[in-house]
């Protein structure tokens, strides 16, 4: 949180909390809460490396499924021909 917003929040808080130390502590706790929520939300976003890893995994799963289908068809055809 930037200084201007903190100062505005402090001034607004002083209207309800007359003790300056308590108002300052209150604003500090609000800032900590906002910062922790912001950090939590930014860790939930995907980064480019995550996207690449997901695409690789999808590709590998697709290839394995294709191989399994081809092997099954070959097995069925060989069973029928015998």
PDB file of N, CA and C in Angstrom:
ATOM      1  N   UNK A   1       0.852  -1.160   0.000  1.00  0.00           N
ATOM      2  CA  UNK A   1       0.000   0.000   0.000  1.00  0.00           C
ATOM      3  C   UNK A   1       0.906   1.233   0.000  1.00  0.00           C
ATOM      4  N   UNK A   2       0.589   2.224  -0.843  1.00  0.00           N
ATOM      5  CA  UNK A   2       1.465   3.373  -0.926  1.00  0.00           C
ATOM      6  C   UNK A   2       1.207   4.361   0.208  1.00  0.00           C
ATOM      7  N   UNK A   3       2.092   5.337   0.321  1.00  0.00           N
ATOM      8  CA  UNK A   3       2.078   6.268   1.446  1.00  0.00           C
ATOM      9  C   UNK A   3       0.837   7.160   1.428  1.00  0.00           C
ATOM     10  N   UNK A   4       0.438   7.610   0.247  1.00  0.00           N
ATOM     11  CA  UNK A   4      -0.727   8.497   0.158  1.00  0.00           C
ATOM     12  C   UNK A   4      -1.989   7.814   0.660  1.00  0.00           C
ATOM     13  N   UNK A   5      -2.176   6.577   0.255  1.00  0.00           N
ATOM     14  CA  UNK A   5      -3.366   5.837   0.685  1.00  0.00           C
ATOM     15  C   UNK A   5      -3.309   5.579   2.185  1.00  0.00           C
ATOM     16  N   UNK A   6      -2.127   5.252   2.681  1.00  0.00           N
ATOM     17  CA  UNK A   6      -1.979   5.019   4.122  1.00  0.00           C
ATOM     18  C   UNK A   6      -2.305   6.281   4.913  1.00  0.00           C
ATOM     19  N   UNK A   7      -1.830   7.407   4.429  1.00  0.00           N
ATOM     20  CA  UNK A   7      -2.094   8.664   5.114  1.00  0.00           C
ATOM     21  C   UNK A   7      -3.584   9.007   5.093  1.00  0.00           C
ATOM     22  N   UNK A   8      -4.228   8.816   3.955  1.00  0.00           N
ATOM     23  CA  UNK A   8      -5.668   9.070   3.868  1.00  0.00           C
ATOM     24  C   UNK A   8      -6.445   8.147   4.799  1.00  0.00           C
ATOM     25  N   UNK A   9      -6.046   6.892   4.827  1.00  0.00           N
ATOM     26  CA  UNK A   9      -6.707   5.930   5.705  1.00  0.00           C
ATOM     27  C   UNK A   9      -6.504   6.314   7.167  1.00  0.00           C
ATOM     28  N   UNK A  10      -5.308   6.773   7.499  1.00  0.00           N
ATOM     29  CA  UNK A  10      -4.996   7.206   8.865  1.00  0.00           C
ATOM     30  C   UNK A  10      -5.852   8.409   9.245  1.00  0.00           C
ATOM     31  N   UNK A  11      -5.993   9.361   8.338  1.00  0.00           N
ATOM     32  CA  UNK A  11      -6.796  10.548   8.617  1.00  0.00           C
ATOM     33  C   UNK A  11      -8.266  10.198   8.793  1.00  0.00           C
ATOM     34  N   UNK A  12      -8.772   9.286   7.967  1.00  0.00           N
ATOM     35  CA  UNK A  12     -10.164   8.861   8.105  1.00  0.00           C
ATOM     36  C   UNK A  12     -10.372   8.101   9.412  1.00  0.00           C
ATOM     37  N   UNK A  13      -9.397   7.321   9.803  1.00  0.00           N
ATOM     38  CA  UNK A  13      -9.509   6.530  11.022  1.00  0.00           C
ATOM     39  C   UNK A  13      -9.509   7.424  12.250  1.00  0.00           C
ATOM     40  N   UNK A  14      -8.782   8.539  12.192  1.00  0.00           N
ATOM     41  CA  UNK A  14      -8.726   9.442  13.340  1.00  0.00           C
ATOM     42  C   UNK A  14     -10.082  10.068  13.656  1.00  0.00           C
ATOM     43  N   UNK A  15     -10.980  10.092  12.692  1.00  0.00           N
ATOM     44  CA  UNK A  15     -12.320  10.605  12.962  1.00  0.00           C
ATOM     45  C   UNK A  15     -13.065   9.709  13.953  1.00  0.00           C
ATOM     46  N   UNK A  16     -12.786   8.406  13.901  1.00  0.00           N
ATOM     47  CA  UNK A  16     -13.494   7.459  14.756  1.00  0.00           C
ATOM     48  C   UNK A  16     -12.670   7.030  15.968  1.00  0.00           C
ATOM     49  N   UNK A  17     -11.352   7.009  15.799  1.00  0.00           N
ATOM     50  CA  UNK A  17     -10.466   6.627  16.901  1.00  0.00           C
ATOM     51  C   UNK A  17      -9.630   7.854  17.241  1.00  0.00           C
ATOM     52  N   UNK A  18      -9.882   8.440  18.398  1.00  0.00           N
ATOM     53  CA  UNK A  18      -9.222   9.696  18.766  1.00  0.00           C
ATOM     54  C   UNK A  18      -7.772   9.492  19.208  1.00  0.00           C
ATOM     55  N   UNK A  19      -7.467   8.334  19.757  1.00  0.00           N
ATOM     56  CA  UNK A  19      -6.091   8.057  20.188  1.00  0.00           C
ATOM     57  C   UNK A  19      -5.222   7.806  18.954  1.00  0.00           C
ATOM     58  N   UNK A  20      -4.174   8.606  18.784  1.00  0.00           N
ATOM     59  CA  UNK A  20      -3.346   8.515  17.570  1.00  0.00           C
ATOM     60  C   UNK A  20      -2.611   7.180  17.468  1.00  0.00           C
ATOM     61  N   UNK A  21      -2.167   6.661  18.599  1.00  0.00           N
ATOM     62  CA  UNK A  21      -1.437   5.382  18.547  1.00  0.00           C
ATOM     63  C   UNK A  21      -2.360   4.245  18.142  1.00  0.00           C
ATOM     64  N   UNK A  22      -3.555   4.232  18.688  1.00  0.00           N
ATOM     65  CA  UNK A  22      -4.504   3.180  18.326  1.00  0.00           C
ATOM     66  C   UNK A  22      -4.904   3.299  16.862  1.00  0.00           C
ATOM     67  N   UNK A  23      -5.077   4.525  16.388  1.00  0.00           N
ATOM     68  CA  UNK A  23      -5.428   4.729  14.981  1.00  0.00           C
ATOM     69  C   UNK A  23      -4.289   4.244  14.081  1.00  0.00           C
ATOM     70  N   UNK A  24      -3.060   4.543  14.481  1.00  0.00           N
ATOM     71  CA  UNK A  24      -1.898   4.110  13.698  1.00  0.00           C
ATOM     72  C   UNK A  24      -1.791   2.587  13.687  1.00  0.00           C
ATOM     73  N   UNK A  25      -2.009   1.953  14.835  1.00  0.00           N
ATOM     74  CA  UNK A  25      -1.987   0.488  14.905  1.00  0.00           C
ATOM     75  C   UNK A  25      -3.091  -0.130  14.054  1.00  0.00           C
ATOM     76  N   UNK A  26      -4.268   0.484  14.090  1.00  0.00           N
ATOM     77  CA  UNK A  26      -5.391  -0.003  13.295  1.00  0.00           C
ATOM     78  C   UNK A  26      -5.074   0.045  11.803  1.00  0.00           C
ATOM     79  N   UNK A  27      -4.529   1.174  11.356  1.00  0.00           N
ATOM     80  CA  UNK A  27      -4.163   1.323   9.943  1.00  0.00           C
ATOM     81  C   UNK A  27      -3.077   0.323   9.578  1.00  0.00           C
ATOM     82  N   UNK A  28      -2.117   0.117  10.471  1.00  0.00           N
ATOM     83  CA  UNK A  28      -1.032  -0.847  10.206  1.00  0.00           C
ATOM     84  C   UNK A  28      -1.594  -2.264  10.047  1.00  0.00           C
ATOM     85  N   UNK A  29      -2.543  -2.631  10.891  1.00  0.00           N
ATOM     86  CA  UNK A  29      -3.148  -3.965  10.784  1.00  0.00           C
ATOM     87  C   UNK A  29      -3.931  -4.110   9.483  1.00  0.00           C
ATOM     88  N   UNK A  30      -4.634  -3.062   9.085  1.00  0.00           N
ATOM     89  CA  UNK A  30      -5.356  -3.106   7.817  1.00  0.00           C
ATOM     90  C   UNK A  30      -4.378  -3.279   6.658  1.00  0.00           C
ATOM     91  N   UNK A  31      -3.271  -2.532   6.689  1.00  0.00           N
ATOM     92  CA  UNK A  31      -2.261  -2.650   5.629  1.00  0.00           C
ATOM     93  C   UNK A  31      -1.692  -4.064   5.565  1.00  0.00           C
ATOM     94  N   UNK A  32      -1.411  -4.647   6.717  1.00  0.00           N
ATOM     95  CA  UNK A  32      -0.882  -6.015   6.750  1.00  0.00           C
ATOM     96  C   UNK A  32      -1.884  -6.996   6.151  1.00  0.00           C
ATOM     97  N   UNK A  33      -3.150  -6.834   6.488  1.00  0.00           N
ATOM     98  CA  UNK A  33      -4.184  -7.722   5.962  1.00  0.00           C
ATOM     99  C   UNK A  33      -4.293  -7.595   4.449  1.00  0.00           C
ATOM    100  N   UNK A  34      -4.292  -6.366   3.952  1.00  0.00           N
ATOM    101  CA  UNK A  34      -4.385  -6.139   2.503  1.00  0.00           C
ATOM    102  C   UNK A  34      -3.173  -6.725   1.796  1.00  0.00           C
ATOM    103  N   UNK A  35      -1.982  -6.490   2.352  1.00  0.00           N
ATOM    104  CA  UNK A  35      -0.763  -7.015   1.730  1.00  0.00           C
ATOM    105  C   UNK A  35      -0.743  -8.536   1.706  1.00  0.00           C
ATOM    106  N   UNK A  36      -1.175  -9.167   2.801  1.00  0.00           N
ATOM    107  CA  UNK A  36      -1.171 -10.634   2.825  1.00  0.00           C
ATOM    108  C   UNK A  36      -2.187 -11.204   1.842  1.00  0.00           C
ATOM    109  N   UNK A  37      -3.344 -10.579   1.720  1.00  0.00           N
ATOM    110  CA  UNK A  37      -4.339 -11.054   0.744  1.00  0.00           C
ATOM    111  C   UNK A  37      -3.840 -10.860  -0.679  1.00  0.00           C
ATOM    112  N   UNK A  38      -3.153  -9.750  -0.927  1.00  0.00           N
ATOM    113  CA  UNK A  38      -2.602  -9.507  -2.258  1.00  0.00           C
ATOM    114  C   UNK A  38      -1.551 -10.555  -2.598  1.00  0.00           C
ATOM    115  N   UNK A  39      -0.669 -10.876  -1.643  1.00  0.00           N
ATOM    116  CA  UNK A  39       0.349 -11.900  -1.881  1.00  0.00           C
ATOM    117  C   UNK A  39      -0.296 -13.257  -2.129  1.00  0.00           C
ATOM    118  N   UNK A  40      -1.343 -13.574  -1.376  1.00  0.00           N
ATOM    119  CA  UNK A  40      -2.039 -14.850  -1.560  1.00  0.00           C
ATOM    120  C   UNK A  40      -2.645 -14.943  -2.950  1.00  0.00           C
ATOM    121  N   UNK A  41      -3.275 -13.859  -3.400  1.00  0.00           N
ATOM    122  CA  UNK A  41      -3.922 -13.866  -4.716  1.00  0.00           C
ATOM    123  C   UNK A  41      -2.914 -13.911  -5.850  1.00  0.00           C
ATOM    124  N   UNK A  42      -1.757 -13.289  -5.686  1.00  0.00           N
ATOM    125  CA  UNK A  42      -0.773 -13.312  -6.766  1.00  0.00           C
ATOM    126  C   UNK A  42      -0.110 -14.672  -6.889  1.00  0.00           C
ATOM    127  N   UNK A  43      -0.078 -15.459  -5.830  1.00  0.00           N
ATOM    128  CA  UNK A  43       0.527 -16.787  -5.931  1.00  0.00           C
ATOM    129  C   UNK A  43      -0.405 -17.770  -6.633  1.00  0.00           C
ATOM    130  N   UNK A  44      -1.691 -17.433  -6.752  1.00  0.00           N
ATOM    131  CA  UNK A  44      -2.638 -18.329  -7.407  1.00  0.00           C
ATOM    132  C   UNK A  44      -2.610 -18.223  -8.921  1.00  0.00           C
ATOM    133  N   UNK A  45      -2.021 -17.172  -9.465  1.00  0.00           N
ATOM    134  CA  UNK A  45      -1.970 -17.001 -10.913  1.00  0.00           C
ATOM    135  C   UNK A  45      -0.952 -17.943 -11.533  1.00  0.00           C
ATOM    136  N   UNK A  46      -1.228 -18.365 -12.770  1.00  0.00           N
ATOM    137  CA  UNK A  46      -0.287 -19.198 -13.505  1.00  0.00           C
ATOM    138  C   UNK A  46       0.798 -18.332 -14.124  1.00  0.00           C
ATOM    139  N   UNK A  47       1.997 -18.851 -14.113  1.00  0.00           N
ATOM    140  CA  UNK A  47       3.085 -18.174 -14.813  1.00  0.00           C
ATOM    141  C   UNK A  47       3.371 -18.953 -16.090  1.00  0.00           C
ATOM    142  N   UNK A  48       4.242 -18.421 -16.923  1.00  0.00           N
ATOM    143  CA  UNK A  48       4.503 -19.034 -18.221  1.00  0.00           C
ATOM    144  C   UNK A  48       5.040 -20.459 -18.065  1.00  0.00           C
ATOM    145  N   UNK A  49       5.912 -20.681 -17.080  1.00  0.00           N
ATOM    146  CA  UNK A  49       6.470 -22.029 -16.874  1.00  0.00           C
ATOM    147  C   UNK A  49       5.382 -23.027 -16.510  1.00  0.00           C
ATOM    148  N   UNK A  50       4.403 -22.590 -15.717  1.00  0.00           N
ATOM    149  CA  UNK A  50       3.296 -23.477 -15.355  1.00  0.00           C
ATOM    150  C   UNK A  50       2.492 -23.869 -16.588  1.00  0.00           C
ATOM    151  N   UNK A  51       2.242 -22.891 -17.449  1.00  0.00           N
ATOM    152  CA  UNK A  51       1.479 -23.173 -18.664  1.00  0.00           C
ATOM    153  C   UNK A  51       2.214 -24.152 -19.562  1.00  0.00           C
ATOM    154  N   UNK A  52       3.527 -23.976 -19.688  1.00  0.00           N
ATOM    155  CA  UNK A  52       4.326 -24.883 -20.518  1.00  0.00           C
ATOM    156  C   UNK A  52       4.283 -26.289 -19.933  1.00  0.00           C
ATOM    157  N   UNK A  53       4.385 -26.399 -18.621  1.00  0.00           N
ATOM    158  CA  UNK A  53       4.350 -27.710 -17.961  1.00  0.00           C
ATOM    159  C   UNK A  53       2.991 -28.382 -18.170  1.00  0.00           C
ATOM    160  N   UNK A  54       1.924 -27.619 -18.081  1.00  0.00           N
ATOM    161  CA  UNK A  54       0.587 -28.177 -18.292  1.00  0.00           C
ATOM    162  C   UNK A  54       0.433 -28.675 -19.727  1.00  0.00           C
ATOM    163  N   UNK A  55       0.918 -27.885 -20.693  1.00  0.00           N
ATOM    164  CA  UNK A  55       0.823 -28.306 -22.093  1.00  0.00           C
ATOM    165  C   UNK A  55       1.636 -29.566 -22.354  1.00  0.00           C
ATOM    166  N   UNK A  56       2.813 -29.687 -21.758  1.00  0.00           N
ATOM    167  CA  UNK A  56       3.629 -30.896 -21.912  1.00  0.00           C
ATOM    168  C   UNK A  56       2.886 -32.098 -21.339  1.00  0.00           C
ATOM    169  N   UNK A  57       2.287 -31.932 -20.189  1.00  0.00           N
ATOM    170  CA  UNK A  57       1.555 -33.031 -19.561  1.00  0.00           C
ATOM    171  C   UNK A  57       0.370 -33.462 -20.424  1.00  0.00           C
ATOM    172  N   UNK A  58      -0.365 -32.492 -20.960  1.00  0.00           N
ATOM    173  CA  UNK A  58      -1.503 -32.816 -21.834  1.00  0.00           C
ATOM    174  C   UNK A  58      -1.022 -33.563 -23.074  1.00  0.00           C
ATOM    175  N   UNK A  59       0.094 -33.130 -23.649  1.00  0.00           N
ATOM    176  CA  UNK A  59       0.650 -33.780 -24.829  1.00  0.00           C
ATOM    177  C   UNK A  59       1.043 -35.227 -24.529  1.00  0.00           C
ATOM    178  N   UNK A  60       1.719 -35.445 -23.404  1.00  0.00           N
ATOM    179  CA  UNK A  60       2.155 -36.801 -23.039  1.00  0.00           C
ATOM    180  C   UNK A  60       0.950 -37.700 -22.805  1.00  0.00           C
ATOM    181  N   UNK A  61      -0.064 -37.187 -22.123  1.00  0.00           N
ATOM    182  CA  UNK A  61      -1.267 -37.982 -21.873  1.00  0.00           C
ATOM    183  C   UNK A  61      -1.948 -38.339 -23.194  1.00  0.00           C
ATOM    184  N   UNK A  62      -2.006 -37.405 -24.130  1.00  0.00           N
ATOM    185  CA  UNK A  62      -2.603 -37.669 -25.436  1.00  0.00           C
ATOM    186  C   UNK A  62      -1.852 -38.732 -26.205  1.00  0.00           C
ATOM    187  N   UNK A  63      -0.520 -38.661 -26.163  1.00  0.00           N
ATOM    188  CA  UNK A  63       0.299 -39.653 -26.872  1.00  0.00           C
ATOM    189  C   UNK A  63       0.097 -41.037 -26.257  1.00  0.00           C
ATOM    190  N   UNK A  64       0.064 -41.115 -24.931  1.00  0.00           N
ATOM    191  CA  UNK A  64      -0.136 -42.405 -24.260  1.00  0.00           C
ATOM    192  C   UNK A  64      -1.511 -42.976 -24.615  1.00  0.00           C
ATOM    193  N   UNK A  65      -2.526 -42.145 -24.645  1.00  0.00           N
ATOM    194  CA  UNK A  65      -3.865 -42.629 -25.018  1.00  0.00           C
ATOM    195  C   UNK A  65      -3.888 -43.121 -26.465  1.00  0.00           C
ATOM    196  N   UNK A  66      -3.217 -42.396 -27.357  1.00  0.00           N
ATOM    197  CA  UNK A  66      -3.158 -42.814 -28.747  1.00  0.00           C
ATOM    198  C   UNK A  66      -2.477 -44.178 -28.875  1.00  0.00           C
ATOM    199  N   UNK A  67      -1.365 -44.357 -28.179  1.00  0.00           N
ATOM    200  CA  UNK A  67      -0.644 -45.637 -28.216  1.00  0.00           C
ATOM    201  C   UNK A  67      -1.527 -46.749 -27.653  1.00  0.00           C
ATOM    202  N   UNK A  68      -2.251 -46.477 -26.579  1.00  0.00           N
ATOM    203  CA  UNK A  68      -3.130 -47.490 -25.991  1.00  0.00           C
ATOM    204  C   UNK A  68      -4.249 -47.877 -26.953  1.00  0.00           C
ATOM    205  N   UNK A  69      -4.810 -46.915 -27.657  1.00  0.00           N
ATOM    206  CA  UNK A  69      -5.881 -47.203 -28.624  1.00  0.00           C
ATOM    207  C   UNK A  69      -5.349 -48.033 -29.788  1.00  0.00           C
ATOM    208  N   UNK A  70      -4.179 -47.649 -30.321  1.00  0.00           N
ATOM    209  CA  UNK A  70      -3.583 -48.394 -31.445  1.00  0.00           C
ATOM    210  C   UNK A  70      -3.254 -49.819 -31.017  1.00  0.00           C
ATOM    211  N   UNK A  71      -2.710 -49.986 -29.831  1.00  0.00           N
ATOM    212  CA  UNK A  71      -2.369 -51.324 -29.343  1.00  0.00           C
ATOM    213  C   UNK A  71      -3.634 -52.166 -29.164  1.00  0.00           C
ATOM    214  N   UNK A  72      -4.697 -51.555 -28.672  1.00  0.00           N
ATOM    215  CA  UNK A  72      -5.957 -52.286 -28.495  1.00  0.00           C
ATOM    216  C   UNK A  72      -6.522 -52.737 -29.836  1.00  0.00           C
ATOM    217  N   UNK A  73      -6.493 -51.853 -30.830  1.00  0.00           N
ATOM    218  CA  UNK A  73      -7.007 -52.207 -32.156  1.00  0.00           C
ATOM    219  C   UNK A  73      -6.168 -53.329 -32.754  1.00  0.00           C
ATOM    220  N   UNK A  74      -4.851 -53.243 -32.643  1.00  0.00           N
ATOM    221  CA  UNK A  74      -3.972 -54.298 -33.163  1.00  0.00           C
ATOM    222  C   UNK A  74      -4.262 -55.624 -32.454  1.00  0.00           C
ATOM    223  N   UNK A  75      -4.466 -55.563 -31.130  1.00  0.00           N
ATOM    224  CA  UNK A  75      -4.781 -56.784 -30.380  1.00  0.00           C
ATOM    225  C   UNK A  75      -6.096 -57.397 -30.803  1.00  0.00           C
ATOM    226  N   UNK A  76      -7.099 -56.580 -31.013  1.00  0.00           N
ATOM    227  CA  UNK A  76      -8.426 -57.090 -31.432  1.00  0.00           C
ATOM    228  C   UNK A  76      -8.345 -57.695 -32.832  1.00  0.00           C
ATOM    229  N   UNK A  77      -7.662 -56.988 -33.741  1.00  0.00           N
ATOM    230  CA  UNK A  77      -7.544 -57.496 -35.102  1.00  0.00           C
ATOM    231  C   UNK A  77      -6.754 -58.811 -35.146  1.00  0.00           C
ATOM    232  N   UNK A  78      -5.669 -58.883 -34.388  1.00  0.00           N
ATOM    233  CA  UNK A  78      -4.899 -60.134 -34.368  1.00  0.00           C
ATOM    234  C   UNK A  78      -5.683 -61.283 -33.746  1.00  0.00           C
ATOM    235  N   UNK A  79      -6.520 -60.978 -32.750  1.00  0.00           N
ATOM    236  CA  UNK A  79      -7.357 -62.006 -32.125  1.00  0.00           C
ATOM    237  C   UNK A  79      -8.406 -62.510 -33.112  1.00  0.00           C
ATOM    238  N   UNK A  80      -8.992 -61.610 -33.885  1.00  0.00           N
ATOM    239  CA  UNK A  80     -10.016 -61.990 -34.858  1.00  0.00           C
ATOM    240  C   UNK A  80      -9.417 -62.825 -35.983  1.00  0.00           C
ATOM    241  N   UNK A  81      -8.231 -62.488 -36.447  1.00  0.00           N
ATOM    242  CA  UNK A  81      -7.590 -63.201 -37.561  1.00  0.00           C
ATOM    243  C   UNK A  81      -7.090 -64.589 -37.166  1.00  0.00           C
ATOM    244  N   UNK A  82      -6.921 -64.886 -35.925  1.00  0.00           N
ATOM    245  CA  UNK A  82      -6.429 -66.201 -35.526  1.00  0.00           C
ATOM    246  C   UNK A  82      -7.506 -67.225 -35.458  1.00  0.00           C
TER     247      UNK A  82
END
